Amino acid sequence: MAGGKHILGKGKAQRVFGTAKVGDRGQIVIPKDAREFFGIEPGDTLLILGRSETGLIISKPEALNDLAQKIFHSIDNEE
């Protein structure tokens, strides 16, 4: 299994996989270890979120499905 570098003091789920350079067309290459660790395959769709204070988050959309369901459930309970 691919690993990345374990971040000291953090759980095994938090790792550093290296860096990615932005190409002329704005594309990046996700490091192989990260693709293997997260099961990212060619043709997969990734969700790109951003916040000026903290930067970008790249995630598989289905990884945020549980969070979205909790938000919608919370909204339904308020109404």
C-alpha atoms as a PDB file:
ATOM      1  CA  MET A   1       0.000   0.000   0.000  1.00  0.00           C
ATOM      2  CA  ALA A   2       1.209   3.492  -0.803  1.00  0.00           C
ATOM      3  CA  GLY A   3       2.182   5.536   2.173  1.00  0.00           C
ATOM      4  CA  GLY A   4       3.278   9.110   1.877  1.00  0.00           C
ATOM      5  CA  LYS A   5       5.086  10.513   4.879  1.00  0.00           C
ATOM      6  CA  HIS A   6       3.374  10.191   8.239  1.00  0.00           C
ATOM      7  CA  ILE A   7       2.963  13.535  10.028  1.00  0.00           C
ATOM      8  CA  LEU A   8       4.412  13.249  13.507  1.00  0.00           C
ATOM      9  CA  GLY A   9       1.819  13.602  16.239  1.00  0.00           C
ATOM     10  CA  LYS A  10      -1.074  13.108  13.816  1.00  0.00           C
ATOM     11  CA  GLY A  11      -3.184  10.053  13.095  1.00  0.00           C
ATOM     12  CA  LYS A  12      -2.264   7.663  10.307  1.00  0.00           C
ATOM     13  CA  ALA A  13      -4.909   9.309   8.102  1.00  0.00           C
ATOM     14  CA  GLN A  14      -2.862  12.531   7.853  1.00  0.00           C
ATOM     15  CA  ARG A  15       0.116  12.285   5.523  1.00  0.00           C
ATOM     16  CA  VAL A  16       2.320  14.401   3.284  1.00  0.00           C
ATOM     17  CA  PHE A  17       2.557  13.105  -0.278  1.00  0.00           C
ATOM     18  CA  GLY A  18       4.889  15.730  -1.721  1.00  0.00           C
ATOM     19  CA  THR A  19       4.297  18.655  -4.007  1.00  0.00           C
ATOM     20  CA  ALA A  20       2.679  19.221  -7.397  1.00  0.00           C
ATOM     21  CA  LYS A  21       3.879  21.732  -9.953  1.00  0.00           C
ATOM     22  CA  VAL A  22       1.300  23.625 -12.024  1.00  0.00           C
ATOM     23  CA  GLY A  23       1.919  23.178 -15.745  1.00  0.00           C
ATOM     24  CA  ASP A  24       1.456  25.699 -18.562  1.00  0.00           C
ATOM     25  CA  ARG A  25      -2.177  24.612 -18.999  1.00  0.00           C
ATOM     26  CA  GLY A  26      -2.977  24.900 -15.271  1.00  0.00           C
ATOM     27  CA  GLN A  27      -2.813  21.151 -14.711  1.00  0.00           C
ATOM     28  CA  ILE A  28      -1.209  19.390 -11.788  1.00  0.00           C
ATOM     29  CA  VAL A  29      -0.038  15.809 -11.378  1.00  0.00           C
ATOM     30  CA  ILE A  30      -1.187  14.203  -8.144  1.00  0.00           C
ATOM     31  CA  PRO A  31       1.716  12.177  -6.727  1.00  0.00           C
ATOM     32  CA  LYS A  32       1.446   8.433  -7.390  1.00  0.00           C
ATOM     33  CA  ASP A  33       1.504   7.555  -3.664  1.00  0.00           C
ATOM     34  CA  ALA A  34      -1.468   9.872  -3.067  1.00  0.00           C
ATOM     35  CA  ARG A  35      -3.430   8.464  -6.029  1.00  0.00           C
ATOM     36  CA  GLU A  36      -2.865   4.913  -4.793  1.00  0.00           C
ATOM     37  CA  PHE A  37      -3.634   5.759  -1.139  1.00  0.00           C
ATOM     38  CA  PHE A  38      -6.947   7.453  -2.035  1.00  0.00           C
ATOM     39  CA  GLY A  39      -7.886   5.170  -4.931  1.00  0.00           C
ATOM     40  CA  ILE A  40      -7.845   7.934  -7.541  1.00  0.00           C
ATOM     41  CA  GLU A  41      -8.029   6.510 -11.059  1.00  0.00           C
ATOM     42  CA  PRO A  42      -7.762   8.151 -14.504  1.00  0.00           C
ATOM     43  CA  GLY A  43     -11.119   9.681 -15.419  1.00  0.00           C
ATOM     44  CA  ASP A  44     -12.238  10.196 -11.792  1.00  0.00           C
ATOM     45  CA  THR A  45     -13.943  13.493 -11.004  1.00  0.00           C
ATOM     46  CA  LEU A  46     -12.478  15.471  -8.122  1.00  0.00           C
ATOM     47  CA  LEU A  47     -14.089  18.324  -6.217  1.00  0.00           C
ATOM     48  CA  ILE A  48     -11.957  21.470  -5.795  1.00  0.00           C
ATOM     49  CA  LEU A  49     -12.851  23.723  -2.858  1.00  0.00           C
ATOM     50  CA  GLY A  50     -10.999  26.841  -1.794  1.00  0.00           C
ATOM     51  CA  ARG A  51     -10.716  29.435   0.910  1.00  0.00           C
ATOM     52  CA  SER A  52      -8.376  32.406   0.643  1.00  0.00           C
ATOM     53  CA  GLU A  53      -7.110  31.963   4.219  1.00  0.00           C
ATOM     54  CA  THR A  54      -6.334  28.245   4.032  1.00  0.00           C
ATOM     55  CA  GLY A  55      -5.912  27.288   0.371  1.00  0.00           C
ATOM     56  CA  LEU A  56      -7.358  24.486  -1.727  1.00  0.00           C
ATOM     57  CA  ILE A  57      -8.952  21.178  -0.839  1.00  0.00           C
ATOM     58  CA  ILE A  58      -9.104  18.428  -3.438  1.00  0.00           C
ATOM     59  CA  SER A  59     -11.468  15.580  -2.647  1.00  0.00           C
ATOM     60  CA  LYS A  60     -13.529  12.856  -4.212  1.00  0.00           C
ATOM     61  CA  PRO A  61     -17.111  14.212  -4.190  1.00  0.00           C
ATOM     62  CA  GLU A  62     -18.437  11.079  -2.483  1.00  0.00           C
ATOM     63  CA  ALA A  63     -16.103  11.708   0.467  1.00  0.00           C
ATOM     64  CA  LEU A  64     -18.227  14.740   1.316  1.00  0.00           C
ATOM     65  CA  ASN A  65     -21.561  12.943   0.898  1.00  0.00           C
ATOM     66  CA  ASP A  66     -21.920  12.209   4.639  1.00  0.00           C
ATOM     67  CA  LEU A  67     -21.216  15.844   5.504  1.00  0.00           C
ATOM     68  CA  ALA A  68     -23.788  17.052   2.971  1.00  0.00           C
ATOM     69  CA  GLN A  69     -26.391  14.656   4.400  1.00  0.00           C
ATOM     70  CA  LYS A  70     -25.749  15.976   7.930  1.00  0.00           C
ATOM     71  CA  ILE A  71     -26.141  19.569   6.723  1.00  0.00           C
ATOM     72  CA  PHE A  72     -29.412  18.798   4.946  1.00  0.00           C
ATOM     73  CA  HIS A  73     -30.699  16.880   7.992  1.00  0.00           C
ATOM     74  CA  SER A  74     -29.828  19.826  10.227  1.00  0.00           C
ATOM     75  CA  ILE A  75     -31.656  22.255   7.901  1.00  0.00           C
ATOM     76  CA  ASP A  76     -34.724  19.989   7.811  1.00  0.00           C
ATOM     77  CA  ASN A  77     -34.786  19.896  11.628  1.00  0.00           C
ATOM     78  CA  GLU A  78     -34.726  23.702  11.825  1.00  0.00           C
ATOM     79  CA  GLU A  79     -37.761  24.099   9.571  1.00  0.00           C
END
